[in-house]
mmCIF file of all heavy atoms, coordinates in Angstrom:
data_MODEL
# 
_entry.id   MODEL 
# 
loop_
_atom_site.group_PDB 
_atom_site.id 
_atom_site.type_symbol 
_atom_site.label_atom_id 
_atom_site.label_alt_id 
_atom_site.label_comp_id 
_atom_site.label_asym_id 
_atom_site.label_entity_id 
_atom_site.label_seq_id 
_atom_site.pdbx_PDB_ins_code 
_atom_site.Cartn_x 
_atom_site.Cartn_y 
_atom_site.Cartn_z 
_atom_site.occupancy 
_atom_site.B_iso_or_equiv 
_atom_site.pdbx_formal_charge 
_atom_site.auth_seq_id 
_atom_site.auth_comp_id 
_atom_site.auth_asym_id 
_atom_site.auth_atom_id 
_atom_site.pdbx_PDB_model_num 
ATOM 1   N N   . GLY A 1 1  ? -93.820 -209.548 -98.595  1.00 0.00 ? 1  GLY A N   1 
ATOM 2   C CA  . GLY A 1 1  ? -93.667 -210.758 -99.435  1.00 0.00 ? 1  GLY A CA  1 
ATOM 3   C C   . GLY A 1 1  ? -93.479 -210.526 -100.936 1.00 0.00 ? 1  GLY A C   1 
ATOM 4   O O   . GLY A 1 1  ? -93.417 -211.407 -101.678 1.00 0.00 ? 1  GLY A O   1 
ATOM 5   N N   . MET A 1 2  ? -93.306 -209.238 -101.384 1.00 0.00 ? 2  MET A N   1 
ATOM 6   C CA  . MET A 1 2  ? -93.038 -208.873 -102.700 1.00 0.00 ? 2  MET A CA  1 
ATOM 7   C C   . MET A 1 2  ? -91.628 -208.458 -102.750 1.00 0.00 ? 2  MET A C   1 
ATOM 8   O O   . MET A 1 2  ? -90.993 -207.867 -101.896 1.00 0.00 ? 2  MET A O   1 
ATOM 9   C CB  . MET A 1 2  ? -94.020 -207.769 -103.142 1.00 0.00 ? 2  MET A CB  1 
ATOM 10  C CG  . MET A 1 2  ? -95.405 -208.100 -103.171 1.00 0.00 ? 2  MET A CG  1 
ATOM 11  S SD  . MET A 1 2  ? -95.869 -209.342 -104.428 1.00 0.00 ? 2  MET A SD  1 
ATOM 12  C CE  . MET A 1 2  ? -95.852 -208.254 -105.808 1.00 0.00 ? 2  MET A CE  1 
ATOM 13  N N   . THR A 1 3  ? -90.993 -208.655 -104.079 1.00 0.00 ? 3  THR A N   1 
ATOM 14  C CA  . THR A 1 3  ? -89.671 -208.168 -104.312 1.00 0.00 ? 3  THR A CA  1 
ATOM 15  C C   . THR A 1 3  ? -89.786 -207.130 -105.471 1.00 0.00 ? 3  THR A C   1 
ATOM 16  O O   . THR A 1 3  ? -90.637 -207.264 -106.376 1.00 0.00 ? 3  THR A O   1 
ATOM 17  C CB  . THR A 1 3  ? -88.761 -209.211 -104.817 1.00 0.00 ? 3  THR A CB  1 
ATOM 18  O OG1 . THR A 1 3  ? -89.142 -209.959 -105.802 1.00 0.00 ? 3  THR A OG1 1 
ATOM 19  C CG2 . THR A 1 3  ? -88.599 -210.184 -103.585 1.00 0.00 ? 3  THR A CG2 1 
ATOM 20  N N   . TYR A 1 4  ? -88.929 -206.120 -105.290 1.00 0.00 ? 4  TYR A N   1 
ATOM 21  C CA  . TYR A 1 4  ? -88.970 -204.982 -106.334 1.00 0.00 ? 4  TYR A CA  1 
ATOM 22  C C   . TYR A 1 4  ? -87.498 -204.648 -106.825 1.00 0.00 ? 4  TYR A C   1 
ATOM 23  O O   . TYR A 1 4  ? -86.728 -204.365 -106.100 1.00 0.00 ? 4  TYR A O   1 
ATOM 24  C CB  . TYR A 1 4  ? -89.523 -203.668 -105.643 1.00 0.00 ? 4  TYR A CB  1 
ATOM 25  C CG  . TYR A 1 4  ? -90.847 -203.843 -105.217 1.00 0.00 ? 4  TYR A CG  1 
ATOM 26  C CD1 . TYR A 1 4  ? -91.105 -204.307 -103.949 1.00 0.00 ? 4  TYR A CD1 1 
ATOM 27  C CD2 . TYR A 1 4  ? -91.985 -203.487 -105.997 1.00 0.00 ? 4  TYR A CD2 1 
ATOM 28  C CE1 . TYR A 1 4  ? -92.480 -204.545 -103.486 1.00 0.00 ? 4  TYR A CE1 1 
ATOM 29  C CE2 . TYR A 1 4  ? -93.336 -203.647 -105.536 1.00 0.00 ? 4  TYR A CE2 1 
ATOM 30  C CZ  . TYR A 1 4  ? -93.458 -204.172 -104.283 1.00 0.00 ? 4  TYR A CZ  1 
ATOM 31  O OH  . TYR A 1 4  ? -94.887 -204.289 -103.756 1.00 0.00 ? 4  TYR A OH  1 
ATOM 32  N N   . GLY A 1 5  ? -87.387 -204.777 -108.179 1.00 0.00 ? 5  GLY A N   1 
ATOM 33  C CA  . GLY A 1 5  ? -86.135 -204.365 -108.731 1.00 0.00 ? 5  GLY A CA  1 
ATOM 34  C C   . GLY A 1 5  ? -84.986 -205.323 -108.526 1.00 0.00 ? 5  GLY A C   1 
ATOM 35  O O   . GLY A 1 5  ? -85.046 -206.364 -107.768 1.00 0.00 ? 5  GLY A O   1 
ATOM 36  N N   . GLN A 1 6  ? -83.922 -205.072 -109.381 1.00 0.00 ? 6  GLN A N   1 
ATOM 37  C CA  . GLN A 1 6  ? -82.589 -205.849 -109.246 1.00 0.00 ? 6  GLN A CA  1 
ATOM 38  C C   . GLN A 1 6  ? -81.451 -204.837 -109.018 1.00 0.00 ? 6  GLN A C   1 
ATOM 39  O O   . GLN A 1 6  ? -80.604 -205.107 -108.229 1.00 0.00 ? 6  GLN A O   1 
ATOM 40  C CB  . GLN A 1 6  ? -82.466 -206.649 -110.509 1.00 0.00 ? 6  GLN A CB  1 
ATOM 41  C CG  . GLN A 1 6  ? -83.447 -207.847 -110.647 1.00 0.00 ? 6  GLN A CG  1 
ATOM 42  C CD  . GLN A 1 6  ? -83.354 -208.548 -111.920 1.00 0.00 ? 6  GLN A CD  1 
ATOM 43  O OE1 . GLN A 1 6  ? -83.682 -207.869 -113.021 1.00 0.00 ? 6  GLN A OE1 1 
ATOM 44  N NE2 . GLN A 1 6  ? -82.825 -209.768 -111.938 1.00 0.00 ? 6  GLN A NE2 1 
ATOM 45  N N   . LYS A 1 7  ? -81.398 -203.855 -109.876 1.00 0.00 ? 7  LYS A N   1 
ATOM 46  C CA  . LYS A 1 7  ? -80.277 -202.752 -109.735 1.00 0.00 ? 7  LYS A CA  1 
ATOM 47  C C   . LYS A 1 7  ? -80.687 -201.855 -108.623 1.00 0.00 ? 7  LYS A C   1 
ATOM 48  O O   . LYS A 1 7  ? -81.852 -201.440 -108.514 1.00 0.00 ? 7  LYS A O   1 
ATOM 49  C CB  . LYS A 1 7  ? -80.136 -202.123 -111.040 1.00 0.00 ? 7  LYS A CB  1 
ATOM 50  C CG  . LYS A 1 7  ? -79.662 -203.014 -112.180 1.00 0.00 ? 7  LYS A CG  1 
ATOM 51  C CD  . LYS A 1 7  ? -79.803 -202.335 -113.555 1.00 0.00 ? 7  LYS A CD  1 
ATOM 52  C CE  . LYS A 1 7  ? -78.647 -201.139 -113.704 1.00 0.00 ? 7  LYS A CE  1 
ATOM 53  N NZ  . LYS A 1 7  ? -78.736 -200.705 -114.982 1.00 0.00 ? 7  LYS A NZ  1 
ATOM 54  N N   . ARG A 1 8  ? -79.747 -201.535 -107.931 1.00 0.00 ? 8  ARG A N   1 
ATOM 55  C CA  . ARG A 1 8  ? -79.903 -200.658 -106.669 1.00 0.00 ? 8  ARG A CA  1 
ATOM 56  C C   . ARG A 1 8  ? -78.950 -199.565 -106.736 1.00 0.00 ? 8  ARG A C   1 
ATOM 57  O O   . ARG A 1 8  ? -77.765 -199.696 -106.952 1.00 0.00 ? 8  ARG A O   1 
ATOM 58  C CB  . ARG A 1 8  ? -79.873 -201.445 -105.439 1.00 0.00 ? 8  ARG A CB  1 
ATOM 59  C CG  . ARG A 1 8  ? -80.088 -200.654 -104.009 1.00 0.00 ? 8  ARG A CG  1 
ATOM 60  C CD  . ARG A 1 8  ? -80.171 -201.600 -102.834 1.00 0.00 ? 8  ARG A CD  1 
ATOM 61  N NE  . ARG A 1 8  ? -78.958 -202.400 -102.665 1.00 0.00 ? 8  ARG A NE  1 
ATOM 62  C CZ  . ARG A 1 8  ? -78.136 -202.196 -101.591 1.00 0.00 ? 8  ARG A CZ  1 
ATOM 63  N NH1 . ARG A 1 8  ? -78.386 -201.340 -100.684 1.00 0.00 ? 8  ARG A NH1 1 
ATOM 64  N NH2 . ARG A 1 8  ? -77.042 -202.978 -101.487 1.00 0.00 ? 8  ARG A NH2 1 
ATOM 65  N N   . TYR A 1 9  ? -79.457 -198.382 -106.493 1.00 0.00 ? 9  TYR A N   1 
ATOM 66  C CA  . TYR A 1 9  ? -78.572 -197.110 -106.313 1.00 0.00 ? 9  TYR A CA  1 
ATOM 67  C C   . TYR A 1 9  ? -78.864 -196.352 -105.034 1.00 0.00 ? 9  TYR A C   1 
ATOM 68  O O   . TYR A 1 9  ? -80.013 -196.581 -104.456 1.00 0.00 ? 9  TYR A O   1 
ATOM 69  C CB  . TYR A 1 9  ? -79.134 -196.202 -107.409 1.00 0.00 ? 9  TYR A CB  1 
ATOM 70  C CG  . TYR A 1 9  ? -78.671 -196.520 -108.918 1.00 0.00 ? 9  TYR A CG  1 
ATOM 71  C CD1 . TYR A 1 9  ? -79.463 -197.421 -109.615 1.00 0.00 ? 9  TYR A CD1 1 
ATOM 72  C CD2 . TYR A 1 9  ? -77.423 -196.108 -109.473 1.00 0.00 ? 9  TYR A CD2 1 
ATOM 73  C CE1 . TYR A 1 9  ? -79.207 -197.770 -110.984 1.00 0.00 ? 9  TYR A CE1 1 
ATOM 74  C CE2 . TYR A 1 9  ? -77.055 -196.377 -110.746 1.00 0.00 ? 9  TYR A CE2 1 
ATOM 75  C CZ  . TYR A 1 9  ? -78.000 -197.247 -111.473 1.00 0.00 ? 9  TYR A CZ  1 
ATOM 76  O OH  . TYR A 1 9  ? -77.736 -197.542 -112.795 1.00 0.00 ? 9  TYR A OH  1 
ATOM 77  N N   . ARG A 1 10 ? -77.864 -195.709 -104.660 1.00 0.00 ? 10 ARG A N   1 
ATOM 78  C CA  . ARG A 1 10 ? -77.970 -194.822 -103.512 1.00 0.00 ? 10 ARG A CA  1 
ATOM 79  C C   . ARG A 1 10 ? -77.793 -193.374 -103.929 1.00 0.00 ? 10 ARG A C   1 
ATOM 80  O O   . ARG A 1 10 ? -76.861 -193.102 -104.581 1.00 0.00 ? 10 ARG A O   1 
ATOM 81  C CB  . ARG A 1 10 ? -76.960 -195.082 -102.362 1.00 0.00 ? 10 ARG A CB  1 
ATOM 82  C CG  . ARG A 1 10 ? -77.165 -194.278 -101.136 1.00 0.00 ? 10 ARG A CG  1 
ATOM 83  C CD  . ARG A 1 10 ? -76.219 -194.648 -100.009 1.00 0.00 ? 10 ARG A CD  1 
ATOM 84  N NE  . ARG A 1 10 ? -74.838 -194.189 -100.207 1.00 0.00 ? 10 ARG A NE  1 
ATOM 85  C CZ  . ARG A 1 10 ? -73.779 -194.848 -100.405 1.00 0.00 ? 10 ARG A CZ  1 
ATOM 86  N NH1 . ARG A 1 10 ? -74.034 -196.207 -100.611 1.00 0.00 ? 10 ARG A NH1 1 
ATOM 87  N NH2 . ARG A 1 10 ? -72.536 -194.328 -100.555 1.00 0.00 ? 10 ARG A NH2 1 
ATOM 88  N N   . LEU A 1 11 ? -78.767 -192.448 -103.692 1.00 0.00 ? 11 LEU A N   1 
ATOM 89  C CA  . LEU A 1 11 ? -78.662 -191.124 -103.979 1.00 0.00 ? 11 LEU A CA  1 
ATOM 90  C C   . LEU A 1 11 ? -78.439 -190.266 -102.761 1.00 0.00 ? 11 LEU A C   1 
ATOM 91  O O   . LEU A 1 11 ? -79.390 -190.252 -101.853 1.00 0.00 ? 11 LEU A O   1 
ATOM 92  C CB  . LEU A 1 11 ? -79.939 -190.635 -104.708 1.00 0.00 ? 11 LEU A CB  1 
ATOM 93  C CG  . LEU A 1 11 ? -80.043 -189.246 -105.142 1.00 0.00 ? 11 LEU A CG  1 
ATOM 94  C CD1 . LEU A 1 11 ? -79.014 -188.946 -106.254 1.00 0.00 ? 11 LEU A CD1 1 
ATOM 95  C CD2 . LEU A 1 11 ? -81.418 -188.889 -105.682 1.00 0.00 ? 11 LEU A CD2 1 
ATOM 96  N N   . ASN A 1 12 ? -77.313 -189.710 -102.683 1.00 0.00 ? 12 ASN A N   1 
ATOM 97  C CA  . ASN A 1 12 ? -76.954 -188.858 -101.537 1.00 0.00 ? 12 ASN A CA  1 
ATOM 98  C C   . ASN A 1 12 ? -77.314 -187.369 -101.944 1.00 0.00 ? 12 ASN A C   1 
ATOM 99  O O   . ASN A 1 12 ? -76.924 -186.981 -102.846 1.00 0.00 ? 12 ASN A O   1 
ATOM 100 C CB  . ASN A 1 12 ? -75.545 -188.983 -101.154 1.00 0.00 ? 12 ASN A CB  1 
ATOM 101 C CG  . ASN A 1 12 ? -75.010 -190.339 -100.769 1.00 0.00 ? 12 ASN A CG  1 
ATOM 102 O OD1 . ASN A 1 12 ? -75.865 -191.029 -100.100 1.00 0.00 ? 12 ASN A OD1 1 
ATOM 103 N ND2 . ASN A 1 12 ? -73.916 -190.715 -101.173 1.00 0.00 ? 12 ASN A ND2 1 
ATOM 104 N N   . VAL A 1 13 ? -78.093 -186.776 -100.960 1.00 0.00 ? 13 VAL A N   1 
ATOM 105 C CA  . VAL A 1 13 ? -78.558 -185.383 -101.201 1.00 0.00 ? 13 VAL A CA  1 
ATOM 106 C C   . VAL A 1 13 ? -78.156 -184.478 -100.034 1.00 0.00 ? 13 VAL A C   1 
ATOM 107 O O   . VAL A 1 13 ? -78.446 -184.729 -98.996  1.00 0.00 ? 13 VAL A O   1 
ATOM 108 C CB  . VAL A 1 13 ? -80.113 -185.301 -101.442 1.00 0.00 ? 13 VAL A CB  1 
ATOM 109 C CG1 . VAL A 1 13 ? -80.473 -183.954 -101.821 1.00 0.00 ? 13 VAL A CG1 1 
ATOM 110 C CG2 . VAL A 1 13 ? -80.475 -186.262 -102.553 1.00 0.00 ? 13 VAL A CG2 1 
ATOM 111 N N   . GLY A 1 14 ? -77.292 -183.580 -100.379 1.00 0.00 ? 14 GLY A N   1 
ATOM 112 C CA  . GLY A 1 14 ? -76.870 -182.648 -99.303  1.00 0.00 ? 14 GLY A CA  1 
ATOM 113 C C   . GLY A 1 14 ? -75.974 -183.374 -98.376  1.00 0.00 ? 14 GLY A C   1 
ATOM 114 O O   . GLY A 1 14 ? -75.312 -184.419 -98.710  1.00 0.00 ? 14 GLY A O   1 
ATOM 115 N N   . GLU A 1 15 ? -76.141 -183.080 -97.079  1.00 0.00 ? 15 GLU A N   1 
ATOM 116 C CA  . GLU A 1 15 ? -75.246 -183.722 -96.002  1.00 0.00 ? 15 GLU A CA  1 
ATOM 117 C C   . GLU A 1 15 ? -76.028 -184.845 -95.300  1.00 0.00 ? 15 GLU A C   1 
ATOM 118 O O   . GLU A 1 15 ? -75.257 -185.718 -94.755  1.00 0.00 ? 15 GLU A O   1 
ATOM 119 C CB  . GLU A 1 15 ? -74.809 -182.666 -95.023  1.00 0.00 ? 15 GLU A CB  1 
ATOM 120 C CG  . GLU A 1 15 ? -73.893 -181.533 -95.609  1.00 0.00 ? 15 GLU A CG  1 
ATOM 121 C CD  . GLU A 1 15 ? -73.489 -180.574 -94.565  1.00 0.00 ? 15 GLU A CD  1 
ATOM 122 O OE1 . GLU A 1 15 ? -73.891 -180.690 -93.395  1.00 0.00 ? 15 GLU A OE1 1 
ATOM 123 O OE2 . GLU A 1 15 ? -72.699 -179.632 -94.875  1.00 0.00 ? 15 GLU A OE2 1 
ATOM 124 N N   . ASP A 1 16 ? -77.373 -184.963 -95.341  1.00 0.00 ? 16 ASP A N   1 
ATOM 125 C CA  . ASP A 1 16 ? -77.874 -185.919 -94.570  1.00 0.00 ? 16 ASP A CA  1 
ATOM 126 C C   . ASP A 1 16 ? -79.074 -186.726 -95.082  1.00 0.00 ? 16 ASP A C   1 
ATOM 127 O O   . ASP A 1 16 ? -79.759 -187.377 -94.467  1.00 0.00 ? 16 ASP A O   1 
ATOM 128 C CB  . ASP A 1 16 ? -78.376 -185.354 -93.133  1.00 0.00 ? 16 ASP A CB  1 
ATOM 129 C CG  . ASP A 1 16 ? -79.265 -184.113 -93.469  1.00 0.00 ? 16 ASP A CG  1 
ATOM 130 O OD1 . ASP A 1 16 ? -79.581 -183.811 -94.552  1.00 0.00 ? 16 ASP A OD1 1 
ATOM 131 O OD2 . ASP A 1 16 ? -79.712 -183.433 -92.440  1.00 0.00 ? 16 ASP A OD2 1 
ATOM 132 N N   . ILE A 1 17 ? -79.291 -186.530 -96.383  1.00 0.00 ? 17 ILE A N   1 
ATOM 133 C CA  . ILE A 1 17 ? -80.477 -187.317 -97.044  1.00 0.00 ? 17 ILE A CA  1 
ATOM 134 C C   . ILE A 1 17 ? -79.968 -188.455 -97.867  1.00 0.00 ? 17 ILE A C   1 
ATOM 135 O O   . ILE A 1 17 ? -79.040 -188.163 -98.746  1.00 0.00 ? 17 ILE A O   1 
ATOM 136 C CB  . ILE A 1 17 ? -81.326 -186.306 -97.897  1.00 0.00 ? 17 ILE A CB  1 
ATOM 137 C CG1 . ILE A 1 17 ? -82.030 -185.307 -96.998  1.00 0.00 ? 17 ILE A CG1 1 
ATOM 138 C CG2 . ILE A 1 17 ? -82.420 -187.092 -98.596  1.00 0.00 ? 17 ILE A CG2 1 
ATOM 139 C CD1 . ILE A 1 17 ? -82.663 -184.244 -97.704  1.00 0.00 ? 17 ILE A CD1 1 
ATOM 140 N N   . VAL A 1 18 ? -80.456 -189.578 -97.674  1.00 0.00 ? 18 VAL A N   1 
ATOM 141 C CA  . VAL A 1 18 ? -80.095 -190.742 -98.444  1.00 0.00 ? 18 VAL A CA  1 
ATOM 142 C C   . VAL A 1 18 ? -81.361 -191.337 -99.015  1.00 0.00 ? 18 VAL A C   1 
ATOM 143 O O   . VAL A 1 18 ? -82.245 -191.772 -98.154  1.00 0.00 ? 18 VAL A O   1 
ATOM 144 C CB  . VAL A 1 18 ? -79.275 -191.726 -97.580  1.00 0.00 ? 18 VAL A CB  1 
ATOM 145 C CG1 . VAL A 1 18 ? -78.991 -193.025 -98.385  1.00 0.00 ? 18 VAL A CG1 1 
ATOM 146 C CG2 . VAL A 1 18 ? -77.930 -191.211 -97.038  1.00 0.00 ? 18 VAL A CG2 1 
ATOM 147 N N   . ILE A 1 19 ? -81.421 -191.610 -100.328 1.00 0.00 ? 19 ILE A N   1 
ATOM 148 C CA  . ILE A 1 19 ? -82.583 -192.170 -100.994 1.00 0.00 ? 19 ILE A CA  1 
ATOM 149 C C   . ILE A 1 19 ? -82.018 -193.450 -101.713 1.00 0.00 ? 19 ILE A C   1 
ATOM 150 O O   . ILE A 1 19 ? -81.169 -193.447 -102.528 1.00 0.00 ? 19 ILE A O   1 
ATOM 151 C CB  . ILE A 1 19 ? -83.115 -191.267 -101.989 1.00 0.00 ? 19 ILE A CB  1 
ATOM 152 C CG1 . ILE A 1 19 ? -83.583 -189.931 -101.314 1.00 0.00 ? 19 ILE A CG1 1 
ATOM 153 C CG2 . ILE A 1 19 ? -84.380 -191.899 -102.748 1.00 0.00 ? 19 ILE A CG2 1 
ATOM 154 C CD1 . ILE A 1 19 ? -83.927 -188.865 -102.203 1.00 0.00 ? 19 ILE A CD1 1 
ATOM 155 N N   . GLN A 1 20 ? -82.715 -194.553 -101.429 1.00 0.00 ? 20 GLN A N   1 
ATOM 156 C CA  . GLN A 1 20 ? -82.428 -195.858 -102.078 1.00 0.00 ? 20 GLN A CA  1 
ATOM 157 C C   . GLN A 1 20 ? -83.420 -195.997 -103.188 1.00 0.00 ? 20 GLN A C   1 
ATOM 158 O O   . GLN A 1 20 ? -84.650 -195.746 -103.082 1.00 0.00 ? 20 GLN A O   1 
ATOM 159 C CB  . GLN A 1 20 ? -82.564 -197.066 -101.124 1.00 0.00 ? 20 GLN A CB  1 
ATOM 160 C CG  . GLN A 1 20 ? -81.538 -196.912 -99.942  1.00 0.00 ? 20 GLN A CG  1 
ATOM 161 C CD  . GLN A 1 20 ? -80.158 -197.436 -100.331 1.00 0.00 ? 20 GLN A CD  1 
ATOM 162 O OE1 . GLN A 1 20 ? -79.926 -198.030 -101.446 1.00 0.00 ? 20 GLN A OE1 1 
ATOM 163 N NE2 . GLN A 1 20 ? -79.162 -197.184 -99.397  1.00 0.00 ? 20 GLN A NE2 1 
ATOM 164 N N   . LEU A 1 21 ? -82.854 -196.460 -104.334 1.00 0.00 ? 21 LEU A N   1 
ATOM 165 C CA  . LEU A 1 21 ? -83.775 -196.650 -105.623 1.00 0.00 ? 21 LEU A CA  1 
ATOM 166 C C   . LEU A 1 21 ? -83.474 -197.980 -106.206 1.00 0.00 ? 21 LEU A C   1 
ATOM 167 O O   . LEU A 1 21 ? -82.415 -198.453 -106.354 1.00 0.00 ? 21 LEU A O   1 
ATOM 168 C CB  . LEU A 1 21 ? -83.391 -195.445 -106.535 1.00 0.00 ? 21 LEU A CB  1 
ATOM 169 C CG  . LEU A 1 21 ? -83.697 -194.030 -106.223 1.00 0.00 ? 21 LEU A CG  1 
ATOM 170 C CD1 . LEU A 1 21 ? -82.912 -193.029 -106.931 1.00 0.00 ? 21 LEU A CD1 1 
ATOM 171 C CD2 . LEU A 1 21 ? -85.186 -193.759 -106.262 1.00 0.00 ? 21 LEU A CD2 1 
ATOM 172 N N   . TRP A 1 22 ? -84.582 -198.538 -106.744 1.00 0.00 ? 22 TRP A N   1 
ATOM 173 C CA  . TRP A 1 22 ? -84.530 -199.804 -107.330 1.00 0.00 ? 22 TRP A CA  1 
ATOM 174 C C   . TRP A 1 22 ? -85.101 -199.791 -108.760 1.00 0.00 ? 22 TRP A C   1 
ATOM 175 O O   . TRP A 1 22 ? -86.092 -199.136 -109.042 1.00 0.00 ? 22 TRP A O   1 
ATOM 176 C CB  . TRP A 1 22 ? -85.193 -200.939 -106.543 1.00 0.00 ? 22 TRP A CB  1 
ATOM 177 C CG  . TRP A 1 22 ? -84.492 -201.439 -105.194 1.00 0.00 ? 22 TRP A CG  1 
ATOM 178 C CD1 . TRP A 1 22 ? -83.748 -202.484 -105.160 1.00 0.00 ? 22 TRP A CD1 1 
ATOM 179 C CD2 . TRP A 1 22 ? -84.548 -200.680 -104.034 1.00 0.00 ? 22 TRP A CD2 1 
ATOM 180 N NE1 . TRP A 1 22 ? -83.282 -202.517 -103.835 1.00 0.00 ? 22 TRP A NE1 1 
ATOM 181 C CE2 . TRP A 1 22 ? -83.749 -201.504 -103.183 1.00 0.00 ? 22 TRP A CE2 1 
ATOM 182 C CE3 . TRP A 1 22 ? -85.215 -199.553 -103.462 1.00 0.00 ? 22 TRP A CE3 1 
ATOM 183 C CZ2 . TRP A 1 22 ? -83.641 -201.196 -101.688 1.00 0.00 ? 22 TRP A CZ2 1 
ATOM 184 C CZ3 . TRP A 1 22 ? -85.134 -199.200 -102.183 1.00 0.00 ? 22 TRP A CZ3 1 
ATOM 185 C CH2 . TRP A 1 22 ? -84.344 -200.062 -101.310 1.00 0.00 ? 22 TRP A CH2 1 
ATOM 186 N N   . TYR A 1 23 ? -84.378 -200.593 -109.693 1.00 0.00 ? 23 TYR A N   1 
ATOM 187 C CA  . TYR A 1 23 ? -84.698 -200.577 -111.139 1.00 0.00 ? 23 TYR A CA  1 
ATOM 188 C C   . TYR A 1 23 ? -84.587 -202.034 -111.593 1.00 0.00 ? 23 TYR A C   1 
ATOM 189 O O   . TYR A 1 23 ? -83.928 -202.847 -111.028 1.00 0.00 ? 23 TYR A O   1 
ATOM 190 C CB  . TYR A 1 23 ? -83.816 -199.697 -111.954 1.00 0.00 ? 23 TYR A CB  1 
ATOM 191 C CG  . TYR A 1 23 ? -83.829 -198.240 -111.488 1.00 0.00 ? 23 TYR A CG  1 
ATOM 192 C CD1 . TYR A 1 23 ? -83.098 -197.813 -110.448 1.00 0.00 ? 23 TYR A CD1 1 
ATOM 193 C CD2 . TYR A 1 23 ? -84.608 -197.339 -112.194 1.00 0.00 ? 23 TYR A CD2 1 
ATOM 194 C CE1 . TYR A 1 23 ? -83.060 -196.527 -110.066 1.00 0.00 ? 23 TYR A CE1 1 
ATOM 195 C CE2 . TYR A 1 23 ? -84.632 -196.021 -111.771 1.00 0.00 ? 23 TYR A CE2 1 
ATOM 196 C CZ  . TYR A 1 23 ? -83.824 -195.542 -110.769 1.00 0.00 ? 23 TYR A CZ  1 
ATOM 197 O OH  . TYR A 1 23 ? -83.878 -194.201 -110.416 1.00 0.00 ? 23 TYR A OH  1 
ATOM 198 N N   . ASP A 1 24 ? -85.383 -202.319 -112.636 1.00 0.00 ? 24 ASP A N   1 
ATOM 199 C CA  . ASP A 1 24 ? -85.161 -203.599 -113.210 1.00 0.00 ? 24 ASP A CA  1 
ATOM 200 C C   . ASP A 1 24 ? -84.112 -203.566 -114.215 1.00 0.00 ? 24 ASP A C   1 
ATOM 201 O O   . ASP A 1 24 ? -83.283 -202.523 -114.372 1.00 0.00 ? 24 ASP A O   1 
ATOM 202 C CB  . ASP A 1 24 ? -86.538 -204.072 -114.019 1.00 0.00 ? 24 ASP A CB  1 
ATOM 203 C CG  . ASP A 1 24 ? -86.867 -203.229 -115.128 1.00 0.00 ? 24 ASP A CG  1 
ATOM 204 O OD1 . ASP A 1 24 ? -86.026 -202.389 -115.580 1.00 0.00 ? 24 ASP A OD1 1 
ATOM 205 O OD2 . ASP A 1 24 ? -88.077 -203.373 -115.577 1.00 0.00 ? 24 ASP A OD2 1 
ATOM 206 N N   . VAL A 1 25 ? -83.753 -204.682 -114.937 1.00 0.00 ? 25 VAL A N   1 
ATOM 207 C CA  . VAL A 1 25 ? -82.627 -204.737 -115.822 1.00 0.00 ? 25 VAL A CA  1 
ATOM 208 C C   . VAL A 1 25 ? -82.579 -203.730 -116.994 1.00 0.00 ? 25 VAL A C   1 
ATOM 209 O O   . VAL A 1 25 ? -81.614 -203.335 -117.490 1.00 0.00 ? 25 VAL A O   1 
ATOM 210 C CB  . VAL A 1 25 ? -82.425 -206.158 -116.361 1.00 0.00 ? 25 VAL A CB  1 
ATOM 211 C CG1 . VAL A 1 25 ? -82.093 -207.149 -115.275 1.00 0.00 ? 25 VAL A CG1 1 
ATOM 212 C CG2 . VAL A 1 25 ? -83.655 -206.589 -117.143 1.00 0.00 ? 25 VAL A CG2 1 
ATOM 213 N N   . ASP A 1 26 ? -83.826 -203.277 -117.242 1.00 0.00 ? 26 ASP A N   1 
ATOM 214 C CA  . ASP A 1 26 ? -84.007 -202.277 -118.329 1.00 0.00 ? 26 ASP A CA  1 
ATOM 215 C C   . ASP A 1 26 ? -83.970 -200.801 -117.809 1.00 0.00 ? 26 ASP A C   1 
ATOM 216 O O   . ASP A 1 26 ? -84.478 -199.929 -118.448 1.00 0.00 ? 26 ASP A O   1 
ATOM 217 C CB  . ASP A 1 26 ? -85.156 -202.543 -119.122 1.00 0.00 ? 26 ASP A CB  1 
ATOM 218 C CG  . ASP A 1 26 ? -85.226 -203.735 -119.843 1.00 0.00 ? 26 ASP A CG  1 
ATOM 219 O OD1 . ASP A 1 26 ? -84.057 -204.205 -120.288 1.00 0.00 ? 26 ASP A OD1 1 
ATOM 220 O OD2 . ASP A 1 26 ? -86.159 -204.514 -119.875 1.00 0.00 ? 26 ASP A OD2 1 
ATOM 221 N N   . ASN A 1 27 ? -83.589 -200.647 -116.498 1.00 0.00 ? 27 ASN A N   1 
ATOM 222 C CA  . ASN A 1 27 ? -83.601 -199.291 -115.870 1.00 0.00 ? 27 ASN A CA  1 
ATOM 223 C C   . ASN A 1 27 ? -85.057 -198.734 -115.626 1.00 0.00 ? 27 ASN A C   1 
ATOM 224 O O   . ASN A 1 27 ? -85.185 -197.547 -115.604 1.00 0.00 ? 27 ASN A O   1 
ATOM 225 C CB  . ASN A 1 27 ? -82.734 -198.327 -116.620 1.00 0.00 ? 27 ASN A CB  1 
ATOM 226 C CG  . ASN A 1 27 ? -81.276 -198.537 -116.237 1.00 0.00 ? 27 ASN A CG  1 
ATOM 227 O OD1 . ASN A 1 27 ? -80.919 -199.045 -115.126 1.00 0.00 ? 27 ASN A OD1 1 
ATOM 228 N ND2 . ASN A 1 27 ? -80.402 -198.064 -117.046 1.00 0.00 ? 27 ASN A ND2 1 
ATOM 229 N N   . SER A 1 28 ? -86.058 -199.586 -115.597 1.00 0.00 ? 28 SER A N   1 
ATOM 230 C CA  . SER A 1 28 ? -87.441 -199.128 -115.296 1.00 0.00 ? 28 SER A CA  1 
ATOM 231 C C   . SER A 1 28 ? -87.534 -198.975 -113.809 1.00 0.00 ? 28 SER A C   1 
ATOM 232 O O   . SER A 1 28 ? -87.424 -199.958 -113.027 1.00 0.00 ? 28 SER A O   1 
ATOM 233 C CB  . SER A 1 28 ? -88.422 -200.087 -115.948 1.00 0.00 ? 28 SER A CB  1 
ATOM 234 O OG  . SER A 1 28 ? -89.776 -199.518 -115.612 1.00 0.00 ? 28 SER A OG  1 
# 
C-alpha cells in the first residue's frame, strides 16, 4: 500500500543480475 520513488533505473551487472532502483525527483 506504499509507493516509493518516481525515477526508476535498471542496473545490469554481469550477464544475469538485474537490480531495479527508485529515486525521488532530487535523486534521493
